[in-house]
Amino acid sequence: AQGYGHLPVCMAKTQYSFSTDPNLRGAPVGHTVPVREVRLSAGAGFVVAICGEIMTMPGLPKVPSSEKIFLNEHGQIEGLF
């Protein structure tokens, strides 16, 4: 209804298995993939299905904060949080 139905889906899950259980290595049969959350990444152009106990990392800004850190004429650090 909001126009995002055409976006690809990224599955966030363990890299060790097609399941969400890292102990079930490879391509086990007879498992179910529980999706506990779905997130829209509209700017990136995809939908993320969060599966199992996986943790995700926060997105980063276009301009990192480190670009505003510098040494002044006295050798002191400026621009830190």
C-alpha atoms as a PDB file:
ATOM      1  CA  ALA A   1       0.000   0.000   0.000  1.00  0.00           C
ATOM      2  CA  GLN A   2       2.948   2.360   0.656  1.00  0.00           C
ATOM      3  CA  GLY A   3       4.862   1.373  -2.487  1.00  0.00           C
ATOM      4  CA  TYR A   4       7.611  -0.771  -0.953  1.00  0.00           C
ATOM      5  CA  GLY A   5       6.311  -4.146  -2.182  1.00  0.00           C
ATOM      6  CA  HIS A   6       8.821  -4.269  -5.041  1.00  0.00           C
ATOM      7  CA  LEU A   7      11.926  -3.985  -2.824  1.00  0.00           C
ATOM      8  CA  PRO A   8      14.292  -6.951  -2.386  1.00  0.00           C
ATOM      9  CA  VAL A   9      14.456  -8.707   0.990  1.00  0.00           C
ATOM     10  CA  CYS A  10      17.668  -9.112   2.985  1.00  0.00           C
ATOM     11  CA  MET A  11      17.612 -11.943   5.554  1.00  0.00           C
ATOM     12  CA  ALA A  12      19.589 -11.051   8.710  1.00  0.00           C
ATOM     13  CA  LYS A  13      20.483 -14.418  10.251  1.00  0.00           C
ATOM     14  CA  THR A  14      23.471 -16.578  11.178  1.00  0.00           C
ATOM     15  CA  GLN A  15      26.078 -16.965   8.456  1.00  0.00           C
ATOM     16  CA  TYR A  16      26.731 -20.580   9.430  1.00  0.00           C
ATOM     17  CA  SER A  17      23.483 -22.122   8.225  1.00  0.00           C
ATOM     18  CA  PHE A  18      20.427 -21.616   6.041  1.00  0.00           C
ATOM     19  CA  SER A  19      18.503 -21.969   9.304  1.00  0.00           C
ATOM     20  CA  THR A  20      18.681 -19.461  12.164  1.00  0.00           C
ATOM     21  CA  ASP A  21      20.524 -21.936  14.398  1.00  0.00           C
ATOM     22  CA  PRO A  22      24.337 -21.579  14.112  1.00  0.00           C
ATOM     23  CA  ASN A  23      24.694 -25.182  15.367  1.00  0.00           C
ATOM     24  CA  LEU A  24      22.797 -26.526  12.330  1.00  0.00           C
ATOM     25  CA  ARG A  25      25.611 -26.084   9.821  1.00  0.00           C
ATOM     26  CA  GLY A  26      25.116 -25.913   6.065  1.00  0.00           C
ATOM     27  CA  ALA A  27      21.673 -26.638   4.623  1.00  0.00           C
ATOM     28  CA  PRO A  28      19.716 -28.656   7.208  1.00  0.00           C
ATOM     29  CA  VAL A  29      16.269 -30.010   6.357  1.00  0.00           C
ATOM     30  CA  GLY A  30      13.057 -29.773   8.351  1.00  0.00           C
ATOM     31  CA  HIS A  31      13.700 -26.424   9.990  1.00  0.00           C
ATOM     32  CA  THR A  32      11.605 -23.270  10.164  1.00  0.00           C
ATOM     33  CA  VAL A  33      13.048 -19.791   9.874  1.00  0.00           C
ATOM     34  CA  PRO A  34      11.429 -17.585  12.533  1.00  0.00           C
ATOM     35  CA  VAL A  35      11.218 -13.930  11.504  1.00  0.00           C
ATOM     36  CA  ARG A  36      10.994 -11.836  14.674  1.00  0.00           C
ATOM     37  CA  GLU A  37      11.030  -8.400  13.077  1.00  0.00           C
ATOM     38  CA  VAL A  38      10.851  -6.740   9.658  1.00  0.00           C
ATOM     39  CA  ARG A  39      12.574  -3.404   9.039  1.00  0.00           C
ATOM     40  CA  LEU A  40      12.266  -1.093   6.071  1.00  0.00           C
ATOM     41  CA  SER A  41      15.501   0.427   4.778  1.00  0.00           C
ATOM     42  CA  ALA A  42      13.785   2.766   2.338  1.00  0.00           C
ATOM     43  CA  GLY A  43      16.870   4.858   1.596  1.00  0.00           C
ATOM     44  CA  ALA A  44      18.967   1.795   0.829  1.00  0.00           C
ATOM     45  CA  GLY A  45      16.075   0.240  -1.090  1.00  0.00           C
ATOM     46  CA  PHE A  46      15.446  -3.051   0.702  1.00  0.00           C
ATOM     47  CA  VAL A  47      13.468  -4.751   3.443  1.00  0.00           C
ATOM     48  CA  VAL A  48      15.335  -6.571   6.237  1.00  0.00           C
ATOM     49  CA  ALA A  49      13.876  -9.674   7.868  1.00  0.00           C
ATOM     50  CA  ILE A  50      15.495 -10.099  11.316  1.00  0.00           C
ATOM     51  CA  CYS A  51      15.657 -13.839  12.035  1.00  0.00           C
ATOM     52  CA  GLY A  52      16.543 -15.818  15.152  1.00  0.00           C
ATOM     53  CA  GLU A  53      18.890 -14.272  17.716  1.00  0.00           C
ATOM     54  CA  ILE A  54      20.963 -12.216  15.261  1.00  0.00           C
ATOM     55  CA  MET A  55      22.070  -8.712  16.271  1.00  0.00           C
ATOM     56  CA  THR A  56      22.411  -5.913  13.750  1.00  0.00           C
ATOM     57  CA  MET A  57      24.758  -2.959  13.621  1.00  0.00           C
ATOM     58  CA  PRO A  58      23.518   0.625  13.472  1.00  0.00           C
ATOM     59  CA  GLY A  59      23.686   2.483  10.192  1.00  0.00           C
ATOM     60  CA  LEU A  60      26.424   5.009   9.697  1.00  0.00           C
ATOM     61  CA  PRO A  61      25.979   8.643   8.666  1.00  0.00           C
ATOM     62  CA  LYS A  62      27.071   9.930   5.253  1.00  0.00           C
ATOM     63  CA  VAL A  63      29.757  12.056   6.925  1.00  0.00           C
ATOM     64  CA  PRO A  64      31.554  10.351   9.837  1.00  0.00           C
ATOM     65  CA  SER A  65      32.122  12.378  13.004  1.00  0.00           C
ATOM     66  CA  SER A  66      35.860  11.780  12.678  1.00  0.00           C
ATOM     67  CA  GLU A  67      35.974  14.308   9.830  1.00  0.00           C
ATOM     68  CA  LYS A  68      35.254  17.060  12.380  1.00  0.00           C
ATOM     69  CA  ILE A  69      38.099  16.089  14.743  1.00  0.00           C
ATOM     70  CA  PHE A  70      41.336  18.037  14.406  1.00  0.00           C
ATOM     71  CA  LEU A  71      44.327  19.417  16.309  1.00  0.00           C
ATOM     72  CA  ASN A  72      44.251  23.151  16.957  1.00  0.00           C
ATOM     73  CA  GLU A  73      47.299  25.427  16.819  1.00  0.00           C
ATOM     74  CA  HIS A  74      48.145  24.477  20.441  1.00  0.00           C
ATOM     75  CA  GLY A  75      48.194  20.753  19.679  1.00  0.00           C
ATOM     76  CA  GLN A  76      44.899  20.151  21.482  1.00  0.00           C
ATOM     77  CA  ILE A  77      42.206  17.896  20.096  1.00  0.00           C
ATOM     78  CA  GLU A  78      38.969  19.621  19.082  1.00  0.00           C
ATOM     79  CA  GLY A  79      35.735  18.285  17.665  1.00  0.00           C
ATOM     80  CA  LEU A  80      35.237  15.326  19.988  1.00  0.00           C
ATOM     81  CA  PHE A  81      31.755  14.683  21.285  1.00  0.00           C
END
